[in-house]
Amino acid sequence: MGNWRIVLFGFYMLGQCTMGQALEGIRFQHKDWELACDNIGTCRMAGYGSSEGEESFPVSLYIERKAGNEALIGLARIEEIRL
């Protein structure tokens, strides 16, 4: 499964976790991606890049959506800088 499919699935789950029903919280993990939604409807998805090899440039992606119909999606990209 391509990484873009994991990201699309994550966005789908972010939307599902904020519907109007009571939530128990869920957690899903696949390869370098992790999705977690808590019992109040806030969902977080994170993807981690590989840090193996001399030529690799590891990067992490963090997406968060709080509960609510009009909640905004927060996005953060974290890069490792070698000194």
PDB file of N, CA and C in Angstrom:
ATOM      1  N   MET A   1       0.854  -1.169   0.000  1.00  0.00           N
ATOM      2  CA  MET A   1       0.000   0.000   0.000  1.00  0.00           C
ATOM      3  C   MET A   1       0.901   1.233   0.000  1.00  0.00           C
ATOM      4  N   GLY A   2       0.632   2.157  -0.904  1.00  0.00           N
ATOM      5  CA  GLY A   2       1.445   3.365  -0.985  1.00  0.00           C
ATOM      6  C   GLY A   2       1.232   4.282   0.209  1.00  0.00           C
ATOM      7  N   ASN A   3       2.237   5.111   0.477  1.00  0.00           N
ATOM      8  CA  ASN A   3       2.136   6.050   1.602  1.00  0.00           C
ATOM      9  C   ASN A   3       0.969   7.001   1.437  1.00  0.00           C
ATOM     10  N   TRP A   4       0.643   7.393   0.210  1.00  0.00           N
ATOM     11  CA  TRP A   4      -0.470   8.317   0.002  1.00  0.00           C
ATOM     12  C   TRP A   4      -1.785   7.681   0.417  1.00  0.00           C
ATOM     13  N   ARG A   5      -1.906   6.364   0.278  1.00  0.00           N
ATOM     14  CA  ARG A   5      -3.137   5.689   0.716  1.00  0.00           C
ATOM     15  C   ARG A   5      -3.263   5.719   2.235  1.00  0.00           C
ATOM     16  N   ILE A   6      -2.142   5.584   2.929  1.00  0.00           N
ATOM     17  CA  ILE A   6      -2.151   5.663   4.391  1.00  0.00           C
ATOM     18  C   ILE A   6      -2.587   7.054   4.826  1.00  0.00           C
ATOM     19  N   VAL A   7      -2.062   8.081   4.155  1.00  0.00           N
ATOM     20  CA  VAL A   7      -2.432   9.460   4.492  1.00  0.00           C
ATOM     21  C   VAL A   7      -3.918   9.682   4.241  1.00  0.00           C
ATOM     22  N   LEU A   8      -4.445   9.210   3.106  1.00  0.00           N
ATOM     23  CA  LEU A   8      -5.877   9.355   2.817  1.00  0.00           C
ATOM     24  C   LEU A   8      -6.723   8.621   3.850  1.00  0.00           C
ATOM     25  N   PHE A   9      -6.303   7.416   4.227  1.00  0.00           N
ATOM     26  CA  PHE A   9      -7.021   6.676   5.255  1.00  0.00           C
ATOM     27  C   PHE A   9      -7.015   7.445   6.573  1.00  0.00           C
ATOM     28  N   GLY A  10      -5.879   8.051   6.886  1.00  0.00           N
ATOM     29  CA  GLY A  10      -5.777   8.852   8.107  1.00  0.00           C
ATOM     30  C   GLY A  10      -6.741  10.017   8.106  1.00  0.00           C
ATOM     31  N   PHE A  11      -6.830  10.742   6.973  1.00  0.00           N
ATOM     32  CA  PHE A  11      -7.779  11.849   6.883  1.00  0.00           C
ATOM     33  C   PHE A  11      -9.217  11.349   7.000  1.00  0.00           C
ATOM     34  N   TYR A  12      -9.514  10.188   6.406  1.00  0.00           N
ATOM     35  CA  TYR A  12     -10.844   9.601   6.530  1.00  0.00           C
ATOM     36  C   TYR A  12     -11.164   9.314   7.997  1.00  0.00           C
ATOM     37  N   MET A  13     -10.197   8.714   8.702  1.00  0.00           N
ATOM     38  CA  MET A  13     -10.413   8.399  10.112  1.00  0.00           C
ATOM     39  C   MET A  13     -10.524   9.658  10.958  1.00  0.00           C
ATOM     40  N   LEU A  14      -9.781  10.706  10.606  1.00  0.00           N
ATOM     41  CA  LEU A  14      -9.905  11.966  11.340  1.00  0.00           C
ATOM     42  C   LEU A  14     -11.336  12.480  11.263  1.00  0.00           C
ATOM     43  N   GLY A  15     -11.951  12.372  10.093  1.00  0.00           N
ATOM     44  CA  GLY A  15     -13.337  12.806   9.931  1.00  0.00           C
ATOM     45  C   GLY A  15     -14.310  11.922  10.680  1.00  0.00           C
ATOM     46  N   GLN A  16     -14.094  10.607  10.647  1.00  0.00           N
ATOM     47  CA  GLN A  16     -14.986   9.674  11.318  1.00  0.00           C
ATOM     48  C   GLN A  16     -14.969   9.833  12.829  1.00  0.00           C
ATOM     49  N   CYS A  17     -13.844  10.196  13.370  1.00  0.00           N
ATOM     50  CA  CYS A  17     -13.712  10.314  14.823  1.00  0.00           C
ATOM     51  C   CYS A  17     -14.426  11.532  15.375  1.00  0.00           C
ATOM     52  N   THR A  18     -14.835  12.443  14.531  1.00  0.00           N
ATOM     53  CA  THR A  18     -15.461  13.663  15.033  1.00  0.00           C
ATOM     54  C   THR A  18     -16.958  13.700  14.765  1.00  0.00           C
ATOM     55  N   MET A  19     -17.566  12.579  14.391  1.00  0.00           N
ATOM     56  CA  MET A  19     -19.013  12.528  14.206  1.00  0.00           C
ATOM     57  C   MET A  19     -19.700  12.683  15.561  1.00  0.00           C
ATOM     58  N   GLY A  20     -21.022  12.832  15.564  1.00  0.00           N
ATOM     59  CA  GLY A  20     -21.751  13.180  16.767  1.00  0.00           C
ATOM     60  C   GLY A  20     -22.009  12.071  17.769  1.00  0.00           C
ATOM     61  N   GLN A  21     -21.400  10.920  17.659  1.00  0.00           N
ATOM     62  CA  GLN A  21     -21.647   9.846  18.611  1.00  0.00           C
ATOM     63  C   GLN A  21     -20.583   9.799  19.708  1.00  0.00           C
ATOM     64  N   ALA A  22     -20.884   9.043  20.753  1.00  0.00           N
ATOM     65  CA  ALA A  22     -19.916   8.883  21.845  1.00  0.00           C
ATOM     66  C   ALA A  22     -18.697   8.126  21.332  1.00  0.00           C
ATOM     67  N   LEU A  23     -17.541   8.547  21.763  1.00  0.00           N
ATOM     68  CA  LEU A  23     -16.302   7.954  21.275  1.00  0.00           C
ATOM     69  C   LEU A  23     -15.600   7.171  22.374  1.00  0.00           C
ATOM     70  N   GLU A  24     -14.993   6.072  22.002  1.00  0.00           N
ATOM     71  CA  GLU A  24     -14.215   5.281  22.946  1.00  0.00           C
ATOM     72  C   GLU A  24     -12.727   5.523  22.780  1.00  0.00           C
ATOM     73  N   GLY A  25     -12.329   6.078  21.677  1.00  0.00           N
ATOM     74  CA  GLY A  25     -10.915   6.244  21.362  1.00  0.00           C
ATOM     75  C   GLY A  25     -10.434   5.079  20.515  1.00  0.00           C
ATOM     76  N   ILE A  26      -9.626   5.373  19.522  1.00  0.00           N
ATOM     77  CA  ILE A  26      -9.089   4.327  18.660  1.00  0.00           C
ATOM     78  C   ILE A  26      -7.601   4.569  18.450  1.00  0.00           C
ATOM     79  N   ARG A  27      -6.924   3.526  17.991  1.00  0.00           N
ATOM     80  CA  ARG A  27      -5.505   3.645  17.669  1.00  0.00           C
ATOM     81  C   ARG A  27      -5.210   2.706  16.509  1.00  0.00           C
ATOM     82  N   PHE A  28      -4.481   3.210  15.529  1.00  0.00           N
ATOM     83  CA  PHE A  28      -4.128   2.438  14.345  1.00  0.00           C
ATOM     84  C   PHE A  28      -2.676   2.722  14.005  1.00  0.00           C
ATOM     85  N   GLN A  29      -1.918   1.684  13.678  1.00  0.00           N
ATOM     86  CA  GLN A  29      -0.515   1.871  13.325  1.00  0.00           C
ATOM     87  C   GLN A  29      -0.191   1.003  12.119  1.00  0.00           C
ATOM     88  N   HIS A  30       0.525   1.594  11.148  1.00  0.00           N
ATOM     89  CA  HIS A  30       0.963   0.867   9.960  1.00  0.00           C
ATOM     90  C   HIS A  30       2.308   1.415   9.526  1.00  0.00           C
ATOM     91  N   LYS A  31       3.320   0.562   9.517  1.00  0.00           N
ATOM     92  CA  LYS A  31       4.691   0.939   9.157  1.00  0.00           C
ATOM     93  C   LYS A  31       5.123   2.175   9.941  1.00  0.00           C
ATOM     94  N   ASP A  32       5.414   3.281   9.258  1.00  0.00           N
ATOM     95  CA  ASP A  32       5.900   4.492   9.934  1.00  0.00           C
ATOM     96  C   ASP A  32       4.786   5.488  10.232  1.00  0.00           C
ATOM     97  N   TRP A  33       3.514   5.065  10.168  1.00  0.00           N
ATOM     98  CA  TRP A  33       2.378   5.962  10.410  1.00  0.00           C
ATOM     99  C   TRP A  33       1.607   5.511  11.637  1.00  0.00           C
ATOM    100  N   GLU A  34       1.134   6.473  12.399  1.00  0.00           N
ATOM    101  CA  GLU A  34       0.336   6.177  13.588  1.00  0.00           C
ATOM    102  C   GLU A  34      -0.831   7.155  13.658  1.00  0.00           C
ATOM    103  N   LEU A  35      -2.026   6.630  13.954  1.00  0.00           N
ATOM    104  CA  LEU A  35      -3.232   7.439  14.105  1.00  0.00           C
ATOM    105  C   LEU A  35      -3.852   7.108  15.450  1.00  0.00           C
ATOM    106  N   ALA A  36      -4.212   8.134  16.212  1.00  0.00           N
ATOM    107  CA  ALA A  36      -4.859   7.927  17.509  1.00  0.00           C
ATOM    108  C   ALA A  36      -5.938   8.981  17.692  1.00  0.00           C
ATOM    109  N   CYS A  37      -7.121   8.544  18.105  1.00  0.00           N
ATOM    110  CA  CYS A  37      -8.225   9.449  18.427  1.00  0.00           C
ATOM    111  C   CYS A  37      -8.631   9.179  19.868  1.00  0.00           C
ATOM    112  N   ASP A  38      -8.761  10.237  20.655  1.00  0.00           N
ATOM    113  CA  ASP A  38      -9.125  10.047  22.056  1.00  0.00           C
ATOM    114  C   ASP A  38     -10.643  10.065  22.218  1.00  0.00           C
ATOM    115  N   ASN A  39     -11.105   9.898  23.447  1.00  0.00           N
ATOM    116  CA  ASN A  39     -12.540   9.781  23.703  1.00  0.00           C
ATOM    117  C   ASN A  39     -13.295  11.107  23.644  1.00  0.00           C
ATOM    118  N   ILE A  40     -12.615  12.228  23.449  1.00  0.00           N
ATOM    119  CA  ILE A  40     -13.326  13.500  23.275  1.00  0.00           C
ATOM    120  C   ILE A  40     -13.290  13.969  21.825  1.00  0.00           C
ATOM    121  N   GLY A  41     -12.754  13.131  20.922  1.00  0.00           N
ATOM    122  CA  GLY A  41     -12.837  13.407  19.498  1.00  0.00           C
ATOM    123  C   GLY A  41     -11.628  14.065  18.864  1.00  0.00           C
ATOM    124  N   THR A  42     -10.583  14.305  19.611  1.00  0.00           N
ATOM    125  CA  THR A  42      -9.372  14.870  19.021  1.00  0.00           C
ATOM    126  C   THR A  42      -8.549  13.734  18.424  1.00  0.00           C
ATOM    127  N   CYS A  43      -8.140  13.913  17.160  1.00  0.00           N
ATOM    128  CA  CYS A  43      -7.371  12.885  16.464  1.00  0.00           C
ATOM    129  C   CYS A  43      -6.002  13.424  16.091  1.00  0.00           C
ATOM    130  N   ARG A  44      -5.024  12.550  16.178  1.00  0.00           N
ATOM    131  CA  ARG A  44      -3.645  12.906  15.843  1.00  0.00           C
ATOM    132  C   ARG A  44      -3.074  11.829  14.932  1.00  0.00           C
ATOM    133  N   MET A  45      -2.387  12.274  13.876  1.00  0.00           N
ATOM    134  CA  MET A  45      -1.749  11.355  12.948  1.00  0.00           C
ATOM    135  C   MET A  45      -0.300  11.789  12.777  1.00  0.00           C
ATOM    136  N   ALA A  46       0.608  10.836  12.838  1.00  0.00           N
ATOM    137  CA  ALA A  46       2.029  11.154  12.699  1.00  0.00           C
ATOM    138  C   ALA A  46       2.685  10.143  11.768  1.00  0.00           C
ATOM    139  N   GLY A  47       3.573  10.650  10.936  1.00  0.00           N
ATOM    140  CA  GLY A  47       4.372   9.818  10.041  1.00  0.00           C
ATOM    141  C   GLY A  47       5.833  10.149  10.251  1.00  0.00           C
ATOM    142  N   TYR A  48       6.651   9.125  10.275  1.00  0.00           N
ATOM    143  CA  TYR A  48       8.063   9.309  10.574  1.00  0.00           C
ATOM    144  C   TYR A  48       8.901   8.822   9.405  1.00  0.00           C
ATOM    145  N   GLY A  49       9.854   9.654   8.960  1.00  0.00           N
ATOM    146  CA  GLY A  49      10.755   9.283   7.874  1.00  0.00           C
ATOM    147  C   GLY A  49      11.910   8.447   8.383  1.00  0.00           C
ATOM    148  N   SER A  50      12.507   7.716   7.486  1.00  0.00           N
ATOM    149  CA  SER A  50      13.635   6.857   7.837  1.00  0.00           C
ATOM    150  C   SER A  50      14.885   7.685   8.073  1.00  0.00           C
ATOM    151  N   SER A  51      15.672   7.287   9.034  1.00  0.00           N
ATOM    152  CA  SER A  51      16.931   7.981   9.311  1.00  0.00           C
ATOM    153  C   SER A  51      18.123   7.081   8.995  1.00  0.00           C
ATOM    154  N   GLU A  52      17.891   6.072   8.159  1.00  0.00           N
ATOM    155  CA  GLU A  52      18.950   5.135   7.812  1.00  0.00           C
ATOM    156  C   GLU A  52      19.738   5.641   6.612  1.00  0.00           C
ATOM    157  N   GLY A  53      21.033   5.456   6.631  1.00  0.00           N
ATOM    158  CA  GLY A  53      21.876   5.793   5.493  1.00  0.00           C
ATOM    159  C   GLY A  53      22.411   7.211   5.554  1.00  0.00           C
ATOM    160  N   GLU A  54      23.512   7.428   4.873  1.00  0.00           N
ATOM    161  CA  GLU A  54      24.168   8.742   4.848  1.00  0.00           C
ATOM    162  C   GLU A  54      23.356   9.788   4.098  1.00  0.00           C
ATOM    163  N   GLU A  55      22.674   9.389   3.027  1.00  0.00           N
ATOM    164  CA  GLU A  55      21.986  10.339   2.152  1.00  0.00           C
ATOM    165  C   GLU A  55      20.550  10.623   2.581  1.00  0.00           C
ATOM    166  N   SER A  56      20.083   9.998   3.623  1.00  0.00           N
ATOM    167  CA  SER A  56      18.690  10.199   4.024  1.00  0.00           C
ATOM    168  C   SER A  56      18.522  11.516   4.774  1.00  0.00           C
ATOM    169  N   PHE A  57      17.358  12.102   4.615  1.00  0.00           N
ATOM    170  CA  PHE A  57      16.998  13.328   5.314  1.00  0.00           C
ATOM    171  C   PHE A  57      15.708  13.049   6.071  1.00  0.00           C
ATOM    172  N   PRO A  58      15.819  12.591   7.310  1.00  0.00           N
ATOM    173  CA  PRO A  58      14.612  12.219   8.051  1.00  0.00           C
ATOM    174  C   PRO A  58      13.706  13.417   8.309  1.00  0.00           C
ATOM    175  N   VAL A  59      12.418  13.175   8.204  1.00  0.00           N
ATOM    176  CA  VAL A  59      11.428  14.213   8.455  1.00  0.00           C
ATOM    177  C   VAL A  59      10.225  13.554   9.129  1.00  0.00           C
ATOM    178  N   SER A  60       9.540  14.284   9.973  1.00  0.00           N
ATOM    179  CA  SER A  60       8.329  13.796  10.621  1.00  0.00           C
ATOM    180  C   SER A  60       7.180  14.719  10.259  1.00  0.00           C
ATOM    181  N   LEU A  61       5.992  14.135  10.112  1.00  0.00           N
ATOM    182  CA  LEU A  61       4.787  14.892   9.790  1.00  0.00           C
ATOM    183  C   LEU A  61       3.768  14.633  10.889  1.00  0.00           C
ATOM    184  N   TYR A  62       3.190  15.692  11.435  1.00  0.00           N
ATOM    185  CA  TYR A  62       2.226  15.590  12.533  1.00  0.00           C
ATOM    186  C   TYR A  62       0.969  16.357  12.140  1.00  0.00           C
ATOM    187  N   ILE A  63      -0.181  15.675  12.173  1.00  0.00           N
ATOM    188  CA  ILE A  63      -1.464  16.289  11.825  1.00  0.00           C
ATOM    189  C   ILE A  63      -2.405  16.085  13.005  1.00  0.00           C
ATOM    190  N   GLU A  64      -3.112  17.144  13.383  1.00  0.00           N
ATOM    191  CA  GLU A  64      -4.052  17.065  14.511  1.00  0.00           C
ATOM    192  C   GLU A  64      -5.352  17.745  14.123  1.00  0.00           C
ATOM    193  N   ARG A  65      -6.473  17.138  14.526  1.00  0.00           N
ATOM    194  CA  ARG A  65      -7.790  17.746  14.331  1.00  0.00           C
ATOM    195  C   ARG A  65      -8.567  17.589  15.621  1.00  0.00           C
ATOM    196  N   LYS A  66      -8.980  18.708  16.177  1.00  0.00           N
ATOM    197  CA  LYS A  66      -9.782  18.684  17.404  1.00  0.00           C
ATOM    198  C   LYS A  66     -11.232  18.359  17.052  1.00  0.00           C
ATOM    199  N   ALA A  67     -12.019  17.969  18.034  1.00  0.00           N
ATOM    200  CA  ALA A  67     -13.415  17.624  17.818  1.00  0.00           C
ATOM    201  C   ALA A  67     -14.216  18.854  17.412  1.00  0.00           C
ATOM    202  N   GLY A  68     -15.297  18.618  16.689  1.00  0.00           N
ATOM    203  CA  GLY A  68     -16.191  19.701  16.296  1.00  0.00           C
ATOM    204  C   GLY A  68     -16.352  19.784  14.793  1.00  0.00           C
ATOM    205  N   ASN A  69     -17.543  20.222  14.363  1.00  0.00           N
ATOM    206  CA  ASN A  69     -17.843  20.289  12.936  1.00  0.00           C
ATOM    207  C   ASN A  69     -16.960  21.263  12.181  1.00  0.00           C
ATOM    208  N   GLU A  70     -16.557  22.346  12.800  1.00  0.00           N
ATOM    209  CA  GLU A  70     -15.791  23.369  12.098  1.00  0.00           C
ATOM    210  C   GLU A  70     -14.354  23.479  12.616  1.00  0.00           C
ATOM    211  N   ALA A  71     -13.869  22.419  13.208  1.00  0.00           N
ATOM    212  CA  ALA A  71     -12.499  22.422  13.730  1.00  0.00           C
ATOM    213  C   ALA A  71     -11.496  22.453  12.579  1.00  0.00           C
ATOM    214  N   LEU A  72     -10.420  23.161  12.783  1.00  0.00           N
ATOM    215  CA  LEU A  72      -9.371  23.257  11.778  1.00  0.00           C
ATOM    216  C   LEU A  72      -8.380  22.112  11.942  1.00  0.00           C
ATOM    217  N   ILE A  73      -7.681  21.806  10.869  1.00  0.00           N
ATOM    218  CA  ILE A  73      -6.643  20.780  10.902  1.00  0.00           C
ATOM    219  C   ILE A  73      -5.304  21.466  11.099  1.00  0.00           C
ATOM    220  N   GLY A  74      -4.551  21.026  12.098  1.00  0.00           N
ATOM    221  CA  GLY A  74      -3.211  21.560  12.343  1.00  0.00           C
ATOM    222  C   GLY A  74      -2.174  20.654  11.693  1.00  0.00           C
ATOM    223  N   LEU A  75      -1.131  21.250  11.143  1.00  0.00           N
ATOM    224  CA  LEU A  75      -0.098  20.502  10.438  1.00  0.00           C
ATOM    225  C   LEU A  75       1.271  20.981  10.880  1.00  0.00           C
ATOM    226  N   ALA A  76       2.167  20.050  11.150  1.00  0.00           N
ATOM    227  CA  ALA A  76       3.545  20.404  11.516  1.00  0.00           C
ATOM    228  C   ALA A  76       4.497  19.463  10.794  1.00  0.00           C
ATOM    229  N   ARG A  77       5.574  20.018  10.291  1.00  0.00           N
ATOM    230  CA  ARG A  77       6.635  19.219   9.668  1.00  0.00           C
ATOM    231  C   ARG A  77       7.902  19.452  10.470  1.00  0.00           C
ATOM    232  N   ILE A  78       8.488  18.381  10.934  1.00  0.00           N
ATOM    233  CA  ILE A  78       9.671  18.487  11.772  1.00  0.00           C
ATOM    234  C   ILE A  78      10.838  17.846  11.035  1.00  0.00           C
ATOM    235  N   GLU A  79      11.892  18.606  10.842  1.00  0.00           N
ATOM    236  CA  GLU A  79      13.074  18.096  10.152  1.00  0.00           C
ATOM    237  C   GLU A  79      14.239  18.007  11.124  1.00  0.00           C
ATOM    238  N   GLU A  80      15.055  17.011  10.929  1.00  0.00           N
ATOM    239  CA  GLU A  80      16.263  16.865  11.733  1.00  0.00           C
ATOM    240  C   GLU A  80      17.392  17.608  11.023  1.00  0.00           C
ATOM    241  N   ILE A  81      18.089  18.455  11.744  1.00  0.00           N
ATOM    242  CA  ILE A  81      19.200  19.208  11.173  1.00  0.00           C
ATOM    243  C   ILE A  81      20.489  18.664  11.767  1.00  0.00           C
ATOM    244  N   ARG A  82      21.371  18.251  10.900  1.00  0.00           N
ATOM    245  CA  ARG A  82      22.659  17.724  11.361  1.00  0.00           C
ATOM    246  C   ARG A  82      23.660  18.862  11.445  1.00  0.00           C
ATOM    247  N   LEU A  83      24.288  18.999  12.585  1.00  0.00           N
ATOM    248  CA  LEU A  83      25.283  20.054  12.794  1.00  0.00           C
ATOM    249  C   LEU A  83      26.688  19.522  12.633  1.00  0.00           C
TER     250      LEU A  83
END
